[in-house]
Amino acid sequence: MARFRVYLLDGKSRIVSVEDVEFELSHEALAFARRLVANRQSHAFELWQGRDRLHKEGRTALCG
């Protein structure tokens, strides 16, 4: 299992919540992060693994 961190962001890219999760693959963590941001109605999220930012996505990308 790999450890990932999801940062939920507000409209000014400020961190409003942090979730530490473990998944086998990064695409599983990405799918989790997308569900999380939609359920919490956050503006955007960043997915990190250690010191590496793997992905950043805004809410408009999630709806389109």
Protein backbone atom coordinates (compact mmCIF):
# COMPACT_ATOMS: atom_id res chain seq x y z
CA MET A 1 0.00 0.00 0.00
CA ALA A 2 1.13 3.52 -0.79
CA ARG A 3 0.34 6.57 1.32
CA PHE A 4 -1.27 9.62 -0.22
CA ARG A 5 -2.46 12.96 1.11
CA VAL A 6 -5.45 14.87 -0.27
CA TYR A 7 -5.67 18.61 0.37
CA LEU A 8 -9.13 20.10 -0.13
CA LEU A 9 -8.92 23.74 -1.17
CA ASP A 10 -11.24 26.72 -1.09
CA GLY A 11 -11.77 29.25 -3.88
CA LYS A 12 -8.54 31.06 -2.97
CA SER A 13 -6.48 27.83 -2.99
CA ARG A 14 -6.26 27.74 0.80
CA ILE A 15 -6.29 24.37 2.52
CA VAL A 16 -9.57 23.68 4.29
CA SER A 17 -9.14 19.97 5.00
CA VAL A 18 -6.50 17.23 4.79
CA GLU A 19 -7.07 13.50 4.36
CA ASP A 20 -4.33 10.87 4.66
CA VAL A 21 -5.21 7.68 2.78
CA GLU A 22 -3.61 4.45 1.56
CA PHE A 23 -4.21 2.78 -1.80
CA GLU A 24 -2.43 0.26 -3.98
CA LEU A 25 -2.35 2.55 -7.03
CA SER A 26 -2.28 6.30 -7.57
CA HIS A 27 -5.33 6.24 -9.85
CA GLU A 28 -7.34 4.78 -6.95
CA ALA A 29 -6.23 7.68 -4.77
CA LEU A 30 -7.16 10.12 -7.53
CA ALA A 31 -10.67 8.64 -7.82
CA PHE A 32 -11.05 8.88 -4.03
CA ALA A 33 -9.93 12.53 -4.06
CA ARG A 34 -12.47 13.38 -6.78
CA ARG A 35 -15.28 11.79 -4.76
CA LEU A 36 -14.11 13.54 -1.62
CA VAL A 37 -14.05 17.02 -3.17
CA ALA A 38 -17.49 16.48 -4.70
CA ASN A 39 -19.00 15.21 -1.43
CA ARG A 40 -17.53 18.03 0.63
CA GLN A 41 -18.32 20.65 -2.01
CA SER A 42 -14.79 21.99 -1.97
CA HIS A 43 -13.46 24.18 -4.76
CA ALA A 44 -10.42 22.07 -5.67
CA PHE A 45 -7.97 19.47 -4.43
CA GLU A 46 -4.34 18.48 -4.62
CA LEU A 47 -3.15 14.87 -4.41
CA TRP A 48 0.31 14.30 -2.95
CA GLN A 49 2.53 11.29 -2.39
CA GLY A 50 5.33 12.22 -0.04
CA ARG A 51 6.98 15.36 -1.39
CA ASP A 52 5.51 14.95 -4.86
CA ARG A 53 2.32 16.64 -5.97
CA LEU A 54 0.71 14.12 -8.30
CA HIS A 55 -2.35 16.07 -9.35
CA LYS A 56 -4.26 19.31 -8.86
CA GLU A 57 -7.83 19.71 -10.04
CA GLY A 58 -10.53 22.35 -9.73
CA ARG A 59 -14.22 21.83 -9.36
CA THR A 60 -15.00 22.95 -12.92
CA ALA A 61 -12.90 20.06 -14.23
CA LEU A 62 -14.90 17.67 -12.04
CA CYS A 63 -18.22 18.83 -13.45
CA GLY A 64 -17.22 18.88 -17.09
